[in-house]
Amino acid sequence: MQAKLGGLVGQNSGWVESLPLKVQGRVEALSTIQNDYDELEEKFQVRLLAVPRHPPGIGRSRAGGRQAGIGCCCWSCGG
Protein backbone atom coordinates (compact mmCIF):
# COMPACT_ATOMS: atom_id res chain seq x y z
CA MET A 1 0.00 0.00 0.00
CA GLN A 2 2.78 2.45 0.99
CA ALA A 3 4.69 1.74 -2.23
CA LYS A 4 1.57 2.23 -4.30
CA LEU A 5 0.85 5.60 -2.66
CA GLY A 6 4.51 6.59 -2.92
CA GLY A 7 4.36 6.06 -6.67
CA LEU A 8 1.57 8.62 -6.92
CA VAL A 9 3.57 11.43 -5.32
CA GLY A 10 4.23 14.21 -7.81
CA GLN A 11 1.90 12.84 -10.45
CA ASN A 12 -0.76 14.99 -12.03
CA SER A 13 -4.18 14.10 -10.62
CA GLY A 14 -6.07 16.08 -13.24
CA TRP A 15 -8.21 18.00 -10.77
CA VAL A 16 -6.75 21.39 -11.78
CA GLU A 17 -7.62 20.70 -15.40
CA SER A 18 -11.22 20.07 -14.36
CA LEU A 19 -11.53 23.62 -12.98
CA PRO A 20 -12.80 26.56 -15.07
CA LEU A 21 -10.08 28.32 -17.13
CA LYS A 22 -10.19 31.46 -14.97
CA VAL A 23 -9.59 29.41 -11.85
CA GLN A 24 -6.80 27.45 -13.54
CA GLY A 25 -5.10 30.75 -14.35
CA ARG A 26 -5.39 31.86 -10.73
CA VAL A 27 -3.99 28.57 -9.48
CA GLU A 28 -1.04 28.91 -11.86
CA ALA A 29 -0.46 32.53 -10.78
CA LEU A 30 -0.55 31.57 -7.11
CA SER A 31 1.84 28.71 -7.78
CA THR A 32 4.27 31.12 -9.42
CA ILE A 33 3.98 33.56 -6.53
CA GLN A 34 4.57 30.73 -4.04
CA ASN A 35 7.69 29.61 -5.92
CA ASP A 36 9.04 33.18 -5.96
CA TYR A 37 8.33 33.51 -2.25
CA ASP A 38 10.08 30.22 -1.48
CA GLU A 39 13.20 31.37 -3.34
CA LEU A 40 13.23 34.72 -1.50
CA GLU A 41 12.67 33.01 1.85
CA GLU A 42 15.61 30.69 1.21
CA LYS A 43 17.88 33.63 0.35
CA PHE A 44 16.69 35.49 3.45
CA GLN A 45 17.41 32.53 5.72
CA VAL A 46 20.93 32.18 4.27
CA ARG A 47 21.60 35.88 4.88
CA LEU A 48 20.05 35.76 8.35
CA LEU A 49 22.32 32.92 9.37
CA ALA A 50 25.32 34.92 8.12
CA VAL A 51 24.57 37.83 10.49
CA PRO A 52 26.38 37.50 13.83
CA ARG A 53 23.96 37.21 16.73
CA HIS A 54 25.94 39.38 19.16
CA PRO A 55 28.29 41.73 17.33
CA PRO A 56 31.33 42.49 19.49
CA GLY A 57 31.10 45.69 21.49
CA ILE A 58 27.42 46.40 20.97
CA GLY A 59 25.50 46.86 24.20
CA ARG A 60 28.18 45.45 26.46
CA SER A 61 30.22 48.56 27.21
CA ARG A 62 27.15 50.69 27.95
CA ALA A 63 25.64 48.18 30.35
CA GLY A 64 28.95 47.79 32.17
CA GLY A 65 29.32 51.56 32.44
CA ARG A 66 25.87 52.03 33.86
CA GLN A 67 26.34 49.37 36.47
CA ALA A 68 29.78 50.58 37.45
CA GLY A 69 28.87 54.30 37.60
CA ILE A 70 25.39 54.29 39.04
CA GLY A 71 24.94 50.88 40.52
CA CYS A 72 22.23 48.37 39.94
CA CYS A 73 18.72 49.23 40.96
CA CYS A 74 17.73 45.72 42.03
CA TRP A 75 18.31 44.39 45.50
CA SER A 76 18.92 40.80 44.38
CA CYS A 77 22.34 41.35 42.77
CA GLY A 78 23.76 43.41 45.64
CA GLY A 79 24.55 46.42 43.44
PDB file of N, CA and C in Angstrom:
ATOM      1  N   MET A   1       0.827  -1.194   0.000  1.00  0.00           N
ATOM      2  CA  MET A   1       0.000   0.000   0.000  1.00  0.00           C
ATOM      3  C   MET A   1       0.870   1.256   0.000  1.00  0.00           C
ATOM      4  N   GLN A   2       1.883   1.291   0.893  1.00  0.00           N
ATOM      5  CA  GLN A   2       2.779   2.446   0.994  1.00  0.00           C
ATOM      6  C   GLN A   2       3.497   2.686  -0.334  1.00  0.00           C
ATOM      7  N   ALA A   3       3.976   1.619  -0.950  1.00  0.00           N
ATOM      8  CA  ALA A   3       4.691   1.745  -2.226  1.00  0.00           C
ATOM      9  C   ALA A   3       3.762   2.260  -3.318  1.00  0.00           C
ATOM     10  N   LYS A   4       2.533   1.795  -3.294  1.00  0.00           N
ATOM     11  CA  LYS A   4       1.566   2.233  -4.300  1.00  0.00           C
ATOM     12  C   LYS A   4       1.278   3.733  -4.150  1.00  0.00           C
ATOM     13  N   LEU A   5       1.090   4.172  -2.917  1.00  0.00           N
ATOM     14  CA  LEU A   5       0.853   5.597  -2.661  1.00  0.00           C
ATOM     15  C   LEU A   5       2.104   6.418  -2.973  1.00  0.00           C
ATOM     16  N   GLY A   6       3.266   5.891  -2.642  1.00  0.00           N
ATOM     17  CA  GLY A   6       4.514   6.592  -2.922  1.00  0.00           C
ATOM     18  C   GLY A   6       4.727   6.818  -4.402  1.00  0.00           C
ATOM     19  N   GLY A   7       4.238   5.911  -5.215  1.00  0.00           N
ATOM     20  CA  GLY A   7       4.357   6.057  -6.666  1.00  0.00           C
ATOM     21  C   GLY A   7       3.480   7.163  -7.222  1.00  0.00           C
ATOM     22  N   LEU A   8       2.475   7.563  -6.465  1.00  0.00           N
ATOM     23  CA  LEU A   8       1.568   8.618  -6.918  1.00  0.00           C
ATOM     24  C   LEU A   8       2.071  10.019  -6.604  1.00  0.00           C
ATOM     25  N   VAL A   9       3.054  10.125  -5.729  1.00  0.00           N
ATOM     26  CA  VAL A   9       3.568  11.428  -5.322  1.00  0.00           C
ATOM     27  C   VAL A   9       4.149  12.150  -6.533  1.00  0.00           C
ATOM     28  N   GLY A  10       3.719  13.385  -6.720  1.00  0.00           N
ATOM     29  CA  GLY A  10       4.234  14.205  -7.806  1.00  0.00           C
ATOM     30  C   GLY A  10       3.536  14.002  -9.131  1.00  0.00           C
ATOM     31  N   GLN A  11       2.623  13.063  -9.203  1.00  0.00           N
ATOM     32  CA  GLN A  11       1.904  12.837 -10.455  1.00  0.00           C
ATOM     33  C   GLN A  11       0.711  13.770 -10.548  1.00  0.00           C
ATOM     34  N   ASN A  12       0.372  14.115 -11.759  1.00  0.00           N
ATOM     35  CA  ASN A  12      -0.755  14.994 -12.027  1.00  0.00           C
ATOM     36  C   ASN A  12      -2.051  14.233 -11.788  1.00  0.00           C
ATOM     37  N   SER A  13      -2.914  14.772 -10.922  1.00  0.00           N
ATOM     38  CA  SER A  13      -4.176  14.102 -10.619  1.00  0.00           C
ATOM     39  C   SER A  13      -5.281  14.505 -11.585  1.00  0.00           C
ATOM     40  N   GLY A  14      -5.085  15.625 -12.276  1.00  0.00           N
ATOM     41  CA  GLY A  14      -6.073  16.075 -13.238  1.00  0.00           C
ATOM     42  C   GLY A  14      -7.156  16.963 -12.657  1.00  0.00           C
ATOM     43  N   TRP A  15      -7.130  17.199 -11.359  1.00  0.00           N
ATOM     44  CA  TRP A  15      -8.207  17.999 -10.770  1.00  0.00           C
ATOM     45  C   TRP A  15      -8.107  19.465 -11.169  1.00  0.00           C
ATOM     46  N   VAL A  16      -6.891  19.982 -11.370  1.00  0.00           N
ATOM     47  CA  VAL A  16      -6.752  21.387 -11.780  1.00  0.00           C
ATOM     48  C   VAL A  16      -7.337  21.579 -13.174  1.00  0.00           C
ATOM     49  N   GLU A  17      -7.105  20.607 -14.038  1.00  0.00           N
ATOM     50  CA  GLU A  17      -7.622  20.698 -15.402  1.00  0.00           C
ATOM     51  C   GLU A  17      -9.147  20.653 -15.447  1.00  0.00           C
ATOM     52  N   SER A  18      -9.757  20.136 -14.394  1.00  0.00           N
ATOM     53  CA  SER A  18     -11.218  20.073 -14.360  1.00  0.00           C
ATOM     54  C   SER A  18     -11.842  21.397 -13.910  1.00  0.00           C
ATOM     55  N   LEU A  19     -11.028  22.326 -13.434  1.00  0.00           N
ATOM     56  CA  LEU A  19     -11.526  23.623 -12.981  1.00  0.00           C
ATOM     57  C   LEU A  19     -11.766  24.545 -14.169  1.00  0.00           C
ATOM     58  N   PRO A  20     -12.609  25.576 -14.004  1.00  0.00           N
ATOM     59  CA  PRO A  20     -12.796  26.562 -15.073  1.00  0.00           C
ATOM     60  C   PRO A  20     -11.468  27.249 -15.428  1.00  0.00           C
ATOM     61  N   LEU A  21     -11.336  27.722 -16.650  1.00  0.00           N
ATOM     62  CA  LEU A  21     -10.080  28.318 -17.133  1.00  0.00           C
ATOM     63  C   LEU A  21      -9.629  29.495 -16.273  1.00  0.00           C
ATOM     64  N   LYS A  22     -10.563  30.326 -15.824  1.00  0.00           N
ATOM     65  CA  LYS A  22     -10.186  31.458 -14.974  1.00  0.00           C
ATOM     66  C   LYS A  22      -9.541  30.972 -13.680  1.00  0.00           C
ATOM     67  N   VAL A  23     -10.107  29.948 -13.098  1.00  0.00           N
ATOM     68  CA  VAL A  23      -9.590  29.410 -11.847  1.00  0.00           C
ATOM     69  C   VAL A  23      -8.238  28.742 -12.089  1.00  0.00           C
ATOM     70  N   GLN A  24      -8.095  28.054 -13.199  1.00  0.00           N
ATOM     71  CA  GLN A  24      -6.803  27.447 -13.542  1.00  0.00           C
ATOM     72  C   GLN A  24      -5.717  28.510 -13.638  1.00  0.00           C
ATOM     73  N   GLY A  25      -6.058  29.648 -14.242  1.00  0.00           N
ATOM     74  CA  GLY A  25      -5.103  30.752 -14.349  1.00  0.00           C
ATOM     75  C   GLY A  25      -4.710  31.287 -12.978  1.00  0.00           C
ATOM     76  N   ARG A  26      -5.678  31.382 -12.084  1.00  0.00           N
ATOM     77  CA  ARG A  26      -5.392  31.863 -10.727  1.00  0.00           C
ATOM     78  C   ARG A  26      -4.513  30.875  -9.966  1.00  0.00           C
ATOM     79  N   VAL A  27      -4.804  29.596 -10.136  1.00  0.00           N
ATOM     80  CA  VAL A  27      -3.989  28.567  -9.476  1.00  0.00           C
ATOM     81  C   VAL A  27      -2.551  28.643  -9.984  1.00  0.00           C
ATOM     82  N   GLU A  28      -2.391  28.809 -11.281  1.00  0.00           N
ATOM     83  CA  GLU A  28      -1.045  28.914 -11.864  1.00  0.00           C
ATOM     84  C   GLU A  28      -0.333  30.170 -11.353  1.00  0.00           C
ATOM     85  N   ALA A  29      -1.057  31.289 -11.278  1.00  0.00           N
ATOM     86  CA  ALA A  29      -0.461  32.530 -10.777  1.00  0.00           C
ATOM     87  C   ALA A  29      -0.044  32.385  -9.319  1.00  0.00           C
ATOM     88  N   LEU A  30      -0.892  31.779  -8.516  1.00  0.00           N
ATOM     89  CA  LEU A  30      -0.553  31.570  -7.111  1.00  0.00           C
ATOM     90  C   LEU A  30       0.632  30.625  -6.950  1.00  0.00           C
ATOM     91  N   SER A  31       0.708  29.637  -7.806  1.00  0.00           N
ATOM     92  CA  SER A  31       1.841  28.710  -7.780  1.00  0.00           C
ATOM     93  C   SER A  31       3.141  29.440  -8.096  1.00  0.00           C
ATOM     94  N   THR A  32       3.095  30.327  -9.065  1.00  0.00           N
ATOM     95  CA  THR A  32       4.273  31.119  -9.420  1.00  0.00           C
ATOM     96  C   THR A  32       4.682  32.028  -8.276  1.00  0.00           C
ATOM     97  N   ILE A  33       3.704  32.684  -7.670  1.00  0.00           N
ATOM     98  CA  ILE A  33       3.984  33.561  -6.528  1.00  0.00           C
ATOM     99  C   ILE A  33       4.593  32.761  -5.380  1.00  0.00           C
ATOM    100  N   GLN A  34       4.051  31.574  -5.111  1.00  0.00           N
ATOM    101  CA  GLN A  34       4.575  30.735  -4.036  1.00  0.00           C
ATOM    102  C   GLN A  34       6.017  30.328  -4.315  1.00  0.00           C
ATOM    103  N   ASN A  35       6.322  29.982  -5.556  1.00  0.00           N
ATOM    104  CA  ASN A  35       7.691  29.615  -5.919  1.00  0.00           C
ATOM    105  C   ASN A  35       8.644  30.786  -5.733  1.00  0.00           C
ATOM    106  N   ASP A  36       8.209  31.982  -6.150  1.00  0.00           N
ATOM    107  CA  ASP A  36       9.041  33.176  -5.965  1.00  0.00           C
ATOM    108  C   ASP A  36       9.272  33.442  -4.478  1.00  0.00           C
ATOM    109  N   TYR A  37       8.215  33.303  -3.686  1.00  0.00           N
ATOM    110  CA  TYR A  37       8.332  33.511  -2.246  1.00  0.00           C
ATOM    111  C   TYR A  37       9.299  32.510  -1.628  1.00  0.00           C
ATOM    112  N   ASP A  38       9.194  31.254  -2.029  1.00  0.00           N
ATOM    113  CA  ASP A  38      10.077  30.222  -1.483  1.00  0.00           C
ATOM    114  C   ASP A  38      11.544  30.529  -1.774  1.00  0.00           C
ATOM    115  N   GLU A  39      11.827  31.008  -2.987  1.00  0.00           N
ATOM    116  CA  GLU A  39      13.203  31.373  -3.338  1.00  0.00           C
ATOM    117  C   GLU A  39      13.691  32.541  -2.481  1.00  0.00           C
ATOM    118  N   LEU A  40      12.855  33.570  -2.317  1.00  0.00           N
ATOM    119  CA  LEU A  40      13.230  34.719  -1.495  1.00  0.00           C
ATOM    120  C   LEU A  40      13.424  34.319  -0.035  1.00  0.00           C
ATOM    121  N   GLU A  41      12.563  33.460   0.467  1.00  0.00           N
ATOM    122  CA  GLU A  41      12.668  33.008   1.853  1.00  0.00           C
ATOM    123  C   GLU A  41      13.978  32.254   2.068  1.00  0.00           C
ATOM    124  N   GLU A  42      14.348  31.432   1.101  1.00  0.00           N
ATOM    125  CA  GLU A  42      15.607  30.687   1.214  1.00  0.00           C
ATOM    126  C   GLU A  42      16.800  31.644   1.234  1.00  0.00           C
ATOM    127  N   LYS A  43      16.794  32.646   0.360  1.00  0.00           N
ATOM    128  CA  LYS A  43      17.879  33.634   0.345  1.00  0.00           C
ATOM    129  C   LYS A  43      17.923  34.408   1.663  1.00  0.00           C
ATOM    130  N   PHE A  44      16.757  34.771   2.184  1.00  0.00           N
ATOM    131  CA  PHE A  44      16.686  35.490   3.446  1.00  0.00           C
ATOM    132  C   PHE A  44      17.271  34.662   4.581  1.00  0.00           C
ATOM    133  N   GLN A  45      16.909  33.393   4.651  1.00  0.00           N
ATOM    134  CA  GLN A  45      17.413  32.529   5.717  1.00  0.00           C
ATOM    135  C   GLN A  45      18.930  32.384   5.647  1.00  0.00           C
ATOM    136  N   VAL A  46      19.472  32.279   4.437  1.00  0.00           N
ATOM    137  CA  VAL A  46      20.927  32.178   4.270  1.00  0.00           C
ATOM    138  C   VAL A  46      21.586  33.452   4.784  1.00  0.00           C
ATOM    139  N   ARG A  47      21.039  34.611   4.423  1.00  0.00           N
ATOM    140  CA  ARG A  47      21.603  35.881   4.885  1.00  0.00           C
ATOM    141  C   ARG A  47      21.444  36.058   6.392  1.00  0.00           C
ATOM    142  N   LEU A  48      20.298  35.637   6.915  1.00  0.00           N
ATOM    143  CA  LEU A  48      20.050  35.763   8.347  1.00  0.00           C
ATOM    144  C   LEU A  48      21.051  34.944   9.146  1.00  0.00           C
ATOM    145  N   LEU A  49      21.356  33.760   8.677  1.00  0.00           N
ATOM    146  CA  LEU A  49      22.322  32.923   9.374  1.00  0.00           C
ATOM    147  C   LEU A  49      23.739  33.493   9.288  1.00  0.00           C
ATOM    148  N   ALA A  50      23.994  34.322   8.281  1.00  0.00           N
ATOM    149  CA  ALA A  50      25.315  34.916   8.121  1.00  0.00           C
ATOM    150  C   ALA A  50      25.532  36.106   9.060  1.00  0.00           C
ATOM    151  N   VAL A  51      24.466  36.678   9.597  1.00  0.00           N
ATOM    152  CA  VAL A  51      24.574  37.832  10.489  1.00  0.00           C
ATOM    153  C   VAL A  51      24.959  37.339  11.885  1.00  0.00           C
ATOM    154  N   PRO A  52      26.012  37.922  12.468  1.00  0.00           N
ATOM    155  CA  PRO A  52      26.381  37.502  13.829  1.00  0.00           C
ATOM    156  C   PRO A  52      25.278  37.855  14.815  1.00  0.00           C
ATOM    157  N   ARG A  53      25.031  36.989  15.758  1.00  0.00           N
ATOM    158  CA  ARG A  53      23.955  37.215  16.725  1.00  0.00           C
ATOM    159  C   ARG A  53      24.291  38.328  17.704  1.00  0.00           C
ATOM    160  N   HIS A  54      25.519  38.364  18.196  1.00  0.00           N
ATOM    161  CA  HIS A  54      25.936  39.383  19.157  1.00  0.00           C
ATOM    162  C   HIS A  54      27.218  40.022  18.648  1.00  0.00           C
ATOM    163  N   PRO A  55      27.081  41.063  17.825  1.00  0.00           N
ATOM    164  CA  PRO A  55      28.288  41.725  17.328  1.00  0.00           C
ATOM    165  C   PRO A  55      29.146  42.215  18.487  1.00  0.00           C
ATOM    166  N   PRO A  56      30.454  42.082  18.385  1.00  0.00           N
ATOM    167  CA  PRO A  56      31.327  42.492  19.492  1.00  0.00           C
ATOM    168  C   PRO A  56      31.204  43.980  19.786  1.00  0.00           C
ATOM    169  N   GLY A  57      31.102  44.300  21.065  1.00  0.00           N
ATOM    170  CA  GLY A  57      31.100  45.689  21.492  1.00  0.00           C
ATOM    171  C   GLY A  57      29.748  46.356  21.534  1.00  0.00           C
ATOM    172  N   ILE A  58      28.727  45.744  20.981  1.00  0.00           N
ATOM    173  CA  ILE A  58      27.423  46.396  20.969  1.00  0.00           C
ATOM    174  C   ILE A  58      26.674  46.037  22.247  1.00  0.00           C
ATOM    175  N   GLY A  59      26.304  47.044  23.015  1.00  0.00           N
ATOM    176  CA  GLY A  59      25.497  46.859  24.198  1.00  0.00           C
ATOM    177  C   GLY A  59      26.278  46.465  25.436  1.00  0.00           C
ATOM    178  N   ARG A  60      27.457  45.944  25.286  1.00  0.00           N
ATOM    179  CA  ARG A  60      28.181  45.452  26.455  1.00  0.00           C
ATOM    180  C   ARG A  60      28.867  46.584  27.223  1.00  0.00           C
ATOM    181  N   SER A  61      29.498  47.495  26.525  1.00  0.00           N
ATOM    182  CA  SER A  61      30.222  48.558  27.214  1.00  0.00           C
ATOM    183  C   SER A  61      29.256  49.513  27.914  1.00  0.00           C
ATOM    184  N   ARG A  62      28.122  49.793  27.320  1.00  0.00           N
ATOM    185  CA  ARG A  62      27.153  50.690  27.947  1.00  0.00           C
ATOM    186  C   ARG A  62      26.587  50.082  29.220  1.00  0.00           C
ATOM    187  N   ALA A  63      26.219  48.828  29.174  1.00  0.00           N
ATOM    188  CA  ALA A  63      25.643  48.179  30.352  1.00  0.00           C
ATOM    189  C   ALA A  63      26.666  48.142  31.478  1.00  0.00           C
ATOM    190  N   GLY A  64      27.911  47.833  31.158  1.00  0.00           N
ATOM    191  CA  GLY A  64      28.952  47.794  32.174  1.00  0.00           C
ATOM    192  C   GLY A  64      29.186  49.164  32.768  1.00  0.00           C
ATOM    193  N   GLY A  65      29.126  50.197  31.962  1.00  0.00           N
ATOM    194  CA  GLY A  65      29.320  51.558  32.440  1.00  0.00           C
ATOM    195  C   GLY A  65      28.209  52.007  33.351  1.00  0.00           C
ATOM    196  N   ARG A  66      26.999  51.653  33.017  1.00  0.00           N
ATOM    197  CA  ARG A  66      25.867  52.028  33.861  1.00  0.00           C
ATOM    198  C   ARG A  66      25.964  51.354  35.220  1.00  0.00           C
ATOM    199  N   GLN A  67      26.274  50.084  35.196  1.00  0.00           N
ATOM    200  CA  GLN A  67      26.337  49.368  36.468  1.00  0.00           C
ATOM    201  C   GLN A  67      27.488  49.864  37.323  1.00  0.00           C
ATOM    202  N   ALA A  68      28.614  50.149  36.691  1.00  0.00           N
ATOM    203  CA  ALA A  68      29.775  50.581  37.451  1.00  0.00           C
ATOM    204  C   ALA A  68      29.591  52.006  37.984  1.00  0.00           C
ATOM    205  N   GLY A  69      28.979  52.915  37.213  1.00  0.00           N
ATOM    206  CA  GLY A  69      28.871  54.301  37.604  1.00  0.00           C
ATOM    207  C   GLY A  69      27.718  54.583  38.532  1.00  0.00           C
ATOM    208  N   ILE A  70      26.582  53.970  38.290  1.00  0.00           N
ATOM    209  CA  ILE A  70      25.391  54.287  39.041  1.00  0.00           C
ATOM    210  C   ILE A  70      25.055  53.191  40.049  1.00  0.00           C
ATOM    211  N   GLY A  71      25.330  52.004  39.677  1.00  0.00           N
ATOM    212  CA  GLY A  71      24.942  50.876  40.518  1.00  0.00           C
ATOM    213  C   GLY A  71      23.636  50.276  40.011  1.00  0.00           C
ATOM    214  N   CYS A  72      23.434  49.077  40.371  1.00  0.00           N
ATOM    215  CA  CYS A  72      22.230  48.366  39.937  1.00  0.00           C
ATOM    216  C   CYS A  72      21.057  48.777  40.805  1.00  0.00           C
ATOM    217  N   CYS A  73      19.888  48.807  40.211  1.00  0.00           N
ATOM    218  CA  CYS A  73      18.724  49.229  40.961  1.00  0.00           C
ATOM    219  C   CYS A  73      17.991  48.061  41.625  1.00  0.00           C
ATOM    220  N   CYS A  74      18.431  46.845  41.401  1.00  0.00           N
ATOM    221  CA  CYS A  74      17.727  45.718  42.029  1.00  0.00           C
ATOM    222  C   CYS A  74      18.463  45.250  43.272  1.00  0.00           C
ATOM    223  N   TRP A  75      17.718  44.814  44.225  1.00  0.00           N
ATOM    224  CA  TRP A  75      18.307  44.395  45.495  1.00  0.00           C
ATOM    225  C   TRP A  75      18.916  42.998  45.407  1.00  0.00           C
ATOM    226  N   SER A  76      18.501  42.194  44.398  1.00  0.00           N
ATOM    227  CA  SER A  76      18.921  40.795  44.378  1.00  0.00           C
ATOM    228  C   SER A  76      20.383  40.606  43.967  1.00  0.00           C
ATOM    229  N   CYS A  77      20.961  41.534  43.209  1.00  0.00           N
ATOM    230  CA  CYS A  77      22.341  41.351  42.768  1.00  0.00           C
ATOM    231  C   CYS A  77      23.336  42.004  43.728  1.00  0.00           C
ATOM    232  N   GLY A  78      22.870  42.784  44.650  1.00  0.00           N
ATOM    233  CA  GLY A  78      23.757  43.407  45.637  1.00  0.00           C
ATOM    234  C   GLY A  78      24.397  44.680  45.134  1.00  0.00           C
ATOM    235  N   GLY A  79      23.926  45.233  44.018  1.00  0.00           N
ATOM    236  CA  GLY A  79      24.545  46.422  43.443  1.00  0.00           C
ATOM    237  C   GLY A  79      24.003  47.667  43.904  1.00  0.00           C
TER     238      GLY A  79
END
